Amino acid sequence: MFDYYFLGFIQFILGLFFTFSPPKKPNDMYGYWGKAAKRSLDHWKTAHRTAGPLFLVSGILSLACGFYFEDSTFEYARTANLF
């Protein structure tokens, strides 16, 4: 359960940064670091324009899974080492 919350929160925060304040030019410190994204400035902007909303949606879905699995048998079985 904790991992759904933690990863969902991180993905959501990255999505906010990539969507609303993407890096202006390719760098190795901040941004989506795919090889294709670093080819040109146009690829870099397109990658962030695409990755930002996808990170937002995946973060929200991970958080929703965390809330859903919080009381589920799957989560109980996973933490009780029954599998």
C-alpha atoms as a PDB file:
ATOM      1  CA  MET A   1       0.000   0.000   0.000  1.00  0.00           C
ATOM      2  CA  PHE A   2       2.756   2.435   0.904  1.00  0.00           C
ATOM      3  CA  ASP A   3       4.487   1.897  -2.428  1.00  0.00           C
ATOM      4  CA  TYR A   4       1.305   2.857  -4.336  1.00  0.00           C
ATOM      5  CA  TYR A   5       1.064   6.079  -2.364  1.00  0.00           C
ATOM      6  CA  PHE A   6       4.750   6.896  -2.589  1.00  0.00           C
ATOM      7  CA  LEU A   7       5.152   6.143  -6.300  1.00  0.00           C
ATOM      8  CA  GLY A   8       1.849   7.797  -7.136  1.00  0.00           C
ATOM      9  CA  PHE A   9       2.853  10.937  -5.291  1.00  0.00           C
ATOM     10  CA  ILE A  10       6.272  11.051  -7.003  1.00  0.00           C
ATOM     11  CA  GLN A  11       4.727  10.483 -10.444  1.00  0.00           C
ATOM     12  CA  PHE A  12       2.135  13.169  -9.817  1.00  0.00           C
ATOM     13  CA  ILE A  13       4.762  15.721  -8.724  1.00  0.00           C
ATOM     14  CA  LEU A  14       6.930  14.908 -11.769  1.00  0.00           C
ATOM     15  CA  GLY A  15       3.872  15.313 -13.980  1.00  0.00           C
ATOM     16  CA  LEU A  16       3.217  18.752 -12.504  1.00  0.00           C
ATOM     17  CA  PHE A  17       6.810  19.834 -13.125  1.00  0.00           C
ATOM     18  CA  PHE A  18       6.947  18.382 -16.651  1.00  0.00           C
ATOM     19  CA  THR A  19       3.606  19.941 -17.580  1.00  0.00           C
ATOM     20  CA  PHE A  20       3.820  23.386 -16.017  1.00  0.00           C
ATOM     21  CA  SER A  21       7.562  24.107 -15.842  1.00  0.00           C
ATOM     22  CA  PRO A  22       9.448  21.920 -18.308  1.00  0.00           C
ATOM     23  CA  PRO A  23      13.164  22.543 -18.749  1.00  0.00           C
ATOM     24  CA  LYS A  24      13.890  24.915 -21.602  1.00  0.00           C
ATOM     25  CA  LYS A  25      16.696  22.892 -23.196  1.00  0.00           C
ATOM     26  CA  PRO A  26      18.065  19.337 -22.951  1.00  0.00           C
ATOM     27  CA  ASN A  27      20.141  18.650 -19.851  1.00  0.00           C
ATOM     28  CA  ASP A  28      21.171  15.776 -17.591  1.00  0.00           C
ATOM     29  CA  MET A  29      19.826  17.198 -14.329  1.00  0.00           C
ATOM     30  CA  TYR A  30      16.089  17.757 -14.758  1.00  0.00           C
ATOM     31  CA  GLY A  31      13.620  16.438 -17.276  1.00  0.00           C
ATOM     32  CA  TYR A  32      12.686  13.382 -19.270  1.00  0.00           C
ATOM     33  CA  TRP A  33      16.047  11.835 -20.162  1.00  0.00           C
ATOM     34  CA  GLY A  34      15.158   9.590 -23.081  1.00  0.00           C
ATOM     35  CA  LYS A  35      17.717   9.269 -25.873  1.00  0.00           C
ATOM     36  CA  ALA A  36      15.229  10.392 -28.496  1.00  0.00           C
ATOM     37  CA  ALA A  37      14.189  13.388 -26.389  1.00  0.00           C
ATOM     38  CA  LYS A  38      17.746  14.717 -26.344  1.00  0.00           C
ATOM     39  CA  ARG A  39      18.168  14.664 -30.128  1.00  0.00           C
ATOM     40  CA  SER A  40      16.844  18.162 -30.709  1.00  0.00           C
ATOM     41  CA  LEU A  41      15.017  20.968 -28.964  1.00  0.00           C
ATOM     42  CA  ASP A  42      11.810  20.053 -30.804  1.00  0.00           C
ATOM     43  CA  HIS A  43      12.013  16.436 -29.582  1.00  0.00           C
ATOM     44  CA  TRP A  44      12.731  17.685 -26.058  1.00  0.00           C
ATOM     45  CA  LYS A  45       9.632  19.902 -26.004  1.00  0.00           C
ATOM     46  CA  THR A  46       7.440  17.199 -27.523  1.00  0.00           C
ATOM     47  CA  ALA A  47       8.650  14.621 -24.998  1.00  0.00           C
ATOM     48  CA  HIS A  48       7.765  16.878 -22.075  1.00  0.00           C
ATOM     49  CA  ARG A  49       4.458  17.903 -23.602  1.00  0.00           C
ATOM     50  CA  THR A  50       3.595  14.194 -23.853  1.00  0.00           C
ATOM     51  CA  ALA A  51       5.233  12.849 -20.687  1.00  0.00           C
ATOM     52  CA  GLY A  52       3.824  15.515 -18.355  1.00  0.00           C
ATOM     53  CA  PRO A  53       0.144  14.577 -18.647  1.00  0.00           C
ATOM     54  CA  LEU A  54       1.017  10.866 -18.727  1.00  0.00           C
ATOM     55  CA  PHE A  55       2.907  11.187 -15.439  1.00  0.00           C
ATOM     56  CA  LEU A  56      -0.056  13.085 -13.959  1.00  0.00           C
ATOM     57  CA  VAL A  57      -2.530  10.377 -14.978  1.00  0.00           C
ATOM     58  CA  SER A  58      -0.300   7.503 -13.863  1.00  0.00           C
ATOM     59  CA  GLY A  59       0.267   9.229 -10.516  1.00  0.00           C
ATOM     60  CA  ILE A  60      -3.459   9.620  -9.965  1.00  0.00           C
ATOM     61  CA  LEU A  61      -4.059   5.991 -10.954  1.00  0.00           C
ATOM     62  CA  SER A  62      -1.344   4.774  -8.570  1.00  0.00           C
ATOM     63  CA  LEU A  63      -2.860   6.777  -5.742  1.00  0.00           C
ATOM     64  CA  ALA A  64      -6.302   5.393  -6.581  1.00  0.00           C
ATOM     65  CA  CYS A  65      -4.884   1.844  -6.535  1.00  0.00           C
ATOM     66  CA  GLY A  66      -3.374   2.575  -3.128  1.00  0.00           C
ATOM     67  CA  PHE A  67      -6.761   3.614  -1.774  1.00  0.00           C
ATOM     68  CA  TYR A  68      -8.480   0.632  -3.422  1.00  0.00           C
ATOM     69  CA  PHE A  69      -5.979  -1.981  -2.238  1.00  0.00           C
ATOM     70  CA  GLU A  70      -5.736  -0.527   1.251  1.00  0.00           C
ATOM     71  CA  ASP A  71      -8.290  -2.951   2.707  1.00  0.00           C
ATOM     72  CA  SER A  72      -8.240  -5.617   0.026  1.00  0.00           C
ATOM     73  CA  THR A  73      -7.307  -9.249   0.439  1.00  0.00           C
ATOM     74  CA  PHE A  74      -4.560  -8.851  -2.123  1.00  0.00           C
ATOM     75  CA  GLU A  75      -2.771  -6.304   0.056  1.00  0.00           C
ATOM     76  CA  TYR A  76      -3.268  -8.440   3.165  1.00  0.00           C
ATOM     77  CA  ALA A  77      -1.867 -11.494   1.394  1.00  0.00           C
ATOM     78  CA  ARG A  78       1.085  -9.530   0.018  1.00  0.00           C
ATOM     79  CA  THR A  79       2.076  -8.142   3.408  1.00  0.00           C
ATOM     80  CA  ALA A  80       1.434 -11.437   5.232  1.00  0.00           C
ATOM     81  CA  ASN A  81       3.761 -13.320   2.824  1.00  0.00           C
ATOM     82  CA  LEU A  82       1.083 -15.847   1.896  1.00  0.00           C
ATOM     83  CA  PHE A  83       2.170 -16.028  -1.740  1.00  0.00           C
END
